[in-house]
Amino acid sequence: MTSPAAAPETSPATTPALQARGLVKRYGRVTAIDGADFDLYAGEVLAVVGDNGAGKSSLIKALSGALIPDEGRILLDGQETRFHSPLEARQAGIETVHQTLALAPAMDIATNLFLGRELRRSGPVGSLFRLLDQASMRRQAQEQLDALGIETVQHIGQIVETLSGGQRQAVAVARAAMFGSRMVIMDEPTAALGVKESRQVLDLIRRIRDRGMPVVLISHDMPQVFELADRIHVHRLGRRVAVVRPADATMSQVVSLMTGALRIGDEGAPPDVTDQPAPRIS
């Protein structure tokens, strides 16, 4: 999956955690990804925005192993890699929270956090009968919720179908943070949530970022993007057209970049910071 021969393209201090160059994906005469580039740096929230049909979903699928590009390169910590499935991306430390959440509603919170990664009891009996170590899973699941400051869940053994939308989203995000050793990708994490529940999810994303985990946030909610993101990746017609910082741009300017009414270099356009990681505040 990973080619050790590929050399980092930048110095170790500025090497993106995840990078893509010239990604292309065609479906017959339709080009979903048209030479797309991408850069995610350590410890930042990178928002990916674009109109419907801009190719955001295809780009994220390529980065998370759900889609194999026809052309282009993907680099993980400066080393070229190629994912053939979401499982390979997960094994590399990339976790994705989809809009569907992929939770098992009839199971409890702890089981959902370990879904597909269940812990087995040690010893010959556990090995022979493949018994689950429920106590360890519940203990570690509670530790994860506590570490992320998730206080809206009453009990780790609560069945997921009894949770609110915000609580379910918190469980999905906690699972991603628990196993994502390199980064977390979130696709519209506050869609269909109320104001209070959205606030809880946004605070959770901040806490993940503050732990040093880079986060990719795909969102149509511009106020949330400007509140949360360190940098904004603007996607249009299957490729990246700009990366701007919320402090340097207005929502109107970003929307104009999305639609093509404004281009980087035009009078009144915000500065492009494609190759500049967001400054960290200690």
Protein backbone atom coordinates (compact mmCIF):
# COMPACT_ATOMS: atom_id res chain seq x y z
CA MET A 1 0.00 0.00 0.00
CA THR A 2 2.79 2.46 0.87
CA SER A 3 5.79 3.05 -1.31
CA PRO A 4 8.90 3.77 0.81
CA ALA A 5 10.73 5.09 -2.24
CA ALA A 6 8.62 8.24 -2.43
CA ALA A 7 10.38 11.24 -0.87
CA PRO A 8 8.61 14.03 1.00
CA GLU A 9 7.91 17.08 -1.14
CA THR A 10 8.52 19.58 1.66
CA SER A 11 10.63 19.94 4.77
CA PRO A 12 9.61 17.80 7.77
CA ALA A 13 8.33 20.89 9.63
CA THR A 14 5.85 21.73 6.87
CA THR A 15 5.07 18.33 5.38
CA PRO A 16 1.28 17.98 5.10
CA ALA A 17 -0.28 15.15 7.09
CA LEU A 18 -2.27 14.31 3.94
CA GLN A 19 -1.54 15.58 0.46
CA ALA A 20 -2.90 14.94 -3.03
CA ARG A 21 -1.60 16.08 -6.38
CA GLY A 22 -3.37 15.92 -9.72
CA LEU A 23 -6.14 13.51 -8.77
CA VAL A 24 -8.41 12.54 -11.67
CA LYS A 25 -11.52 10.36 -11.68
CA ARG A 26 -13.69 9.86 -14.76
CA TYR A 27 -17.00 8.06 -15.20
CA GLY A 28 -17.32 7.74 -18.94
CA ARG A 29 -17.63 11.29 -20.24
CA VAL A 30 -18.15 12.74 -16.78
CA THR A 31 -15.06 13.94 -14.91
CA ALA A 32 -15.77 13.95 -11.18
CA ILE A 33 -12.22 14.90 -10.14
CA ASP A 34 -10.27 17.04 -12.58
CA GLY A 35 -6.64 17.37 -11.49
CA ALA A 36 -7.49 18.07 -7.85
CA ASP A 37 -4.87 19.04 -5.27
CA PHE A 38 -5.25 18.86 -1.50
CA ASP A 39 -3.20 19.69 1.60
CA LEU A 40 -4.07 18.98 5.23
CA TYR A 41 -1.60 20.00 7.94
CA ALA A 42 -1.21 18.68 11.47
CA GLY A 43 -3.38 20.24 14.15
CA GLU A 44 -5.77 22.14 11.88
CA VAL A 45 -9.42 22.06 10.93
CA LEU A 46 -9.56 22.30 7.14
CA ALA A 47 -13.03 23.05 5.78
CA VAL A 48 -13.82 21.83 2.26
CA VAL A 49 -16.55 23.88 0.61
CA GLY A 50 -18.09 23.95 -2.85
CA ASP A 51 -21.36 23.98 -4.75
CA ASN A 52 -23.38 20.80 -5.25
CA GLY A 53 -21.64 18.80 -7.98
CA ALA A 54 -18.28 20.49 -7.38
CA GLY A 55 -16.64 17.13 -6.68
CA LYS A 56 -16.15 17.45 -2.92
CA SER A 57 -17.56 14.02 -2.14
CA SER A 58 -15.49 12.35 -4.86
CA LEU A 59 -12.35 14.02 -3.56
CA ILE A 60 -13.01 12.88 0.01
CA LYS A 61 -13.81 9.36 -1.19
CA ALA A 62 -10.46 9.24 -2.99
CA LEU A 63 -8.65 10.40 0.15
CA SER A 64 -10.45 7.87 2.37
CA GLY A 65 -10.11 4.83 0.10
CA ALA A 66 -13.74 4.64 -1.03
CA LEU A 67 -12.76 5.61 -4.58
CA ILE A 68 -9.61 4.78 -6.55
CA PRO A 69 -8.50 7.72 -8.73
CA ASP A 70 -7.51 7.13 -12.35
CA GLU A 71 -4.54 9.47 -12.08
CA GLY A 72 -2.63 11.44 -9.46
CA ARG A 73 -0.76 10.88 -6.23
CA ILE A 74 -1.73 10.71 -2.56
CA LEU A 75 0.92 11.25 0.12
CA LEU A 76 0.54 10.43 3.80
CA ASP A 77 3.09 12.23 5.96
CA GLY A 78 5.15 12.79 2.81
CA GLN A 79 5.15 9.15 1.70
CA GLU A 80 3.26 8.16 -1.43
CA THR A 81 0.44 5.73 -0.77
CA ARG A 82 -2.51 4.20 -2.60
CA PHE A 83 -5.66 3.07 -0.85
CA HIS A 84 -7.71 0.33 -2.48
CA SER A 85 -10.47 0.34 0.13
CA PRO A 86 -11.74 2.29 3.15
CA LEU A 87 -10.29 -0.48 5.33
CA GLU A 88 -6.79 0.32 4.09
CA ALA A 89 -7.32 4.00 4.87
CA ARG A 90 -8.56 3.12 8.35
CA GLN A 91 -5.55 0.89 8.91
CA ALA A 92 -3.39 3.89 7.98
CA GLY A 93 -5.11 5.99 10.66
CA ILE A 94 -7.71 7.86 8.55
CA GLU A 95 -11.21 7.72 10.02
CA THR A 96 -14.29 9.08 8.24
CA VAL A 97 -17.61 10.11 9.80
CA HIS A 98 -20.23 9.89 7.04
CA GLN A 99 -23.63 11.58 7.11
CA THR A 100 -25.23 8.15 7.59
CA LEU A 101 -23.00 7.68 10.71
CA ALA A 102 -22.81 3.87 10.13
CA LEU A 103 -24.02 3.05 13.62
CA ALA A 104 -25.82 -0.12 14.70
CA PRO A 105 -29.01 1.25 16.35
CA ALA A 106 -29.89 -1.95 18.22
CA MET A 107 -26.48 -2.12 19.94
CA ASP A 108 -25.16 -0.11 22.87
CA ILE A 109 -22.69 2.77 22.74
CA ALA A 110 -19.63 0.76 23.74
CA THR A 111 -20.30 -1.92 21.11
CA ASN A 112 -20.72 0.77 18.45
CA LEU A 113 -17.43 2.39 19.37
CA PHE A 114 -15.67 -0.95 18.86
CA LEU A 115 -17.76 -2.04 15.85
CA GLY A 116 -15.45 -4.09 13.61
CA ARG A 117 -12.66 -3.85 16.20
CA GLU A 118 -14.20 -5.84 19.05
CA LEU A 119 -11.94 -6.89 21.92
CA ARG A 120 -11.81 -10.60 22.72
CA ARG A 121 -11.31 -12.15 26.12
CA SER A 122 -7.84 -13.44 26.81
CA GLY A 123 -7.04 -17.01 27.71
CA PRO A 124 -7.93 -20.34 26.10
CA VAL A 125 -11.68 -20.07 26.75
CA GLY A 126 -11.87 -16.63 25.18
CA SER A 127 -9.84 -17.75 22.19
CA LEU A 128 -11.80 -20.95 21.69
CA PHE A 129 -15.27 -19.41 21.91
CA ARG A 130 -14.27 -15.93 20.62
CA LEU A 131 -15.94 -14.32 23.59
CA LEU A 132 -16.12 -10.53 23.64
CA ASP A 133 -14.44 -8.63 26.46
CA GLN A 134 -17.44 -6.43 27.23
CA ALA A 135 -15.94 -5.04 30.44
CA SER A 136 -12.80 -3.78 28.70
CA MET A 137 -14.76 -2.30 25.81
CA ARG A 138 -17.10 -0.44 28.16
CA ARG A 139 -14.21 0.84 30.26
CA GLN A 140 -12.23 2.09 27.26
CA ALA A 141 -15.35 3.54 25.64
CA GLN A 142 -16.14 5.51 28.80
CA GLU A 143 -12.55 6.74 28.98
CA GLN A 144 -12.82 7.99 25.39
CA LEU A 145 -16.08 9.85 26.04
CA ASP A 146 -14.58 11.40 29.18
CA ALA A 147 -11.40 12.43 27.34
CA LEU A 148 -13.47 14.18 24.68
CA GLY A 149 -15.70 15.84 27.25
CA ILE A 150 -18.87 14.16 26.01
CA GLU A 151 -21.31 14.61 28.90
CA THR A 152 -24.64 14.24 27.08
CA VAL A 153 -24.60 10.42 27.23
CA GLN A 154 -26.15 9.02 30.39
CA HIS A 155 -24.69 5.51 30.33
CA ILE A 156 -22.17 3.73 28.13
CA GLY A 157 -24.54 0.74 27.91
CA GLN A 158 -27.37 2.83 26.45
CA ILE A 159 -28.83 1.51 23.19
CA VAL A 160 -28.01 3.82 20.26
CA GLU A 161 -31.58 3.95 18.92
CA THR A 162 -32.63 5.63 22.17
CA LEU A 163 -30.15 8.50 21.66
CA SER A 164 -30.92 11.89 20.16
CA GLY A 165 -29.43 12.95 16.83
CA GLY A 166 -26.70 14.96 18.53
CA GLN A 167 -25.82 12.08 20.85
CA ARG A 168 -25.56 9.67 17.92
CA GLN A 169 -23.31 12.12 16.09
CA ALA A 170 -21.14 12.37 19.21
CA VAL A 171 -20.80 8.58 19.32
CA ALA A 172 -19.75 8.46 15.65
CA VAL A 173 -17.22 11.26 16.16
CA ALA A 174 -15.88 9.63 19.34
CA ARG A 175 -15.34 6.37 17.46
CA ALA A 176 -13.42 8.20 14.73
CA ALA A 177 -11.27 10.04 17.27
CA MET A 178 -10.65 6.80 19.16
CA PHE A 179 -9.15 4.95 16.20
CA GLY A 180 -8.03 7.75 13.88
CA SER A 181 -4.32 7.93 14.65
CA ARG A 182 -3.59 10.42 11.84
CA MET A 183 -6.76 12.37 10.96
CA VAL A 184 -10.54 12.49 11.00
CA ILE A 185 -12.76 13.36 8.02
CA MET A 186 -16.28 14.60 8.80
CA ASP A 187 -18.98 14.90 6.16
CA GLU A 188 -21.67 17.44 7.14
CA PRO A 189 -21.46 16.52 10.86
CA THR A 190 -24.21 18.94 11.93
CA ALA A 191 -26.69 18.25 9.13
CA ALA A 192 -30.25 17.87 10.46
CA LEU A 193 -29.19 18.80 14.01
CA GLY A 194 -30.70 21.54 16.13
CA VAL A 195 -28.78 24.59 17.34
CA LYS A 196 -27.87 23.11 20.74
CA GLU A 197 -26.83 19.74 19.32
CA SER A 198 -24.81 21.42 16.55
CA ARG A 199 -22.96 23.45 19.17
CA GLN A 200 -22.06 20.29 21.06
CA VAL A 201 -20.68 18.66 17.91
CA LEU A 202 -18.66 21.75 16.99
CA ASP A 203 -17.17 21.88 20.48
CA LEU A 204 -16.27 18.21 20.12
CA ILE A 205 -14.48 18.90 16.82
CA ARG A 206 -12.49 21.66 18.53
CA ARG A 207 -11.42 19.30 21.28
CA ILE A 208 -10.25 16.76 18.72
CA ARG A 209 -8.24 19.48 16.95
CA ASP A 210 -6.80 20.70 20.24
CA ARG A 211 -5.49 17.18 20.90
CA GLY A 212 -3.36 17.59 17.76
CA MET A 213 -5.58 15.57 15.42
CA PRO A 214 -6.14 17.27 12.04
CA VAL A 215 -9.78 17.36 10.95
CA VAL A 216 -11.29 17.68 7.47
CA LEU A 217 -14.73 19.28 7.67
CA ILE A 218 -17.06 19.10 4.66
CA SER A 219 -19.89 21.57 5.23
CA HIS A 220 -22.40 23.85 3.52
CA ASP A 221 -22.91 25.85 6.70
CA MET A 222 -20.77 28.96 6.13
CA PRO A 223 -21.16 30.47 9.63
CA GLN A 224 -19.93 27.18 11.12
CA VAL A 225 -17.08 27.00 8.61
CA PHE A 226 -15.91 30.51 9.47
CA GLU A 227 -16.22 29.84 13.19
CA LEU A 228 -14.38 26.53 13.24
CA ALA A 229 -11.94 26.27 10.32
CA ASP A 230 -8.30 27.30 10.37
CA ARG A 231 -8.24 27.25 6.55
CA ILE A 232 -10.93 26.86 3.88
CA HIS A 233 -10.35 24.69 0.77
CA VAL A 234 -12.61 25.97 -2.02
CA HIS A 235 -13.55 23.30 -4.58
CA ARG A 236 -15.08 24.03 -8.00
CA LEU A 237 -15.59 21.92 -11.13
CA GLY A 238 -13.64 18.98 -9.74
CA ARG A 239 -10.56 20.84 -8.54
CA ARG A 240 -9.20 23.13 -5.85
CA VAL A 241 -9.43 26.78 -6.85
CA ALA A 242 -8.20 28.40 -3.63
CA VAL A 243 -7.35 27.99 0.02
CA VAL A 244 -8.14 30.98 2.24
CA ARG A 245 -8.17 31.79 5.92
CA PRO A 246 -11.42 32.91 7.57
CA ALA A 247 -9.62 35.97 8.99
CA ASP A 248 -8.65 37.09 5.47
CA ALA A 249 -11.94 36.48 3.65
CA THR A 250 -15.65 37.13 3.91
CA MET A 251 -18.43 34.61 3.42
CA SER A 252 -19.45 36.50 0.30
CA GLN A 253 -15.94 36.18 -1.14
CA VAL A 254 -15.83 32.44 -0.47
CA VAL A 255 -19.23 31.94 -2.10
CA SER A 256 -18.02 33.95 -5.10
CA LEU A 257 -14.94 31.72 -5.36
CA MET A 258 -17.22 28.66 -5.22
CA THR A 259 -19.40 29.92 -8.07
CA GLY A 260 -16.60 31.31 -10.21
CA ALA A 261 -17.78 34.92 -9.88
CA LEU A 262 -14.44 35.69 -8.20
CA ARG A 263 -11.01 34.24 -8.84
CA ILE A 264 -7.79 34.42 -6.87
CA GLY A 265 -5.85 37.37 -8.25
CA ASP A 266 -8.94 39.41 -9.04
CA GLU A 267 -9.33 42.79 -7.39
CA GLY A 268 -11.03 42.27 -4.06
CA ALA A 269 -10.12 38.57 -3.84
CA PRO A 270 -8.69 37.24 -0.56
CA PRO A 271 -5.06 36.07 -0.44
CA ASP A 272 -4.47 32.41 -1.31
CA VAL A 273 -2.70 30.41 1.43
CA THR A 274 -2.59 27.04 -0.33
CA ASP A 275 0.97 26.25 0.75
CA GLN A 276 0.80 27.90 4.18
CA PRO A 277 -0.29 25.81 7.16
CA ALA A 278 -2.44 27.62 9.70
CA PRO A 279 -0.34 29.19 12.48
CA ARG A 280 -0.77 27.38 15.79
CA ILE A 281 -1.44 29.35 18.95
CA SER A 282 0.34 27.90 21.98
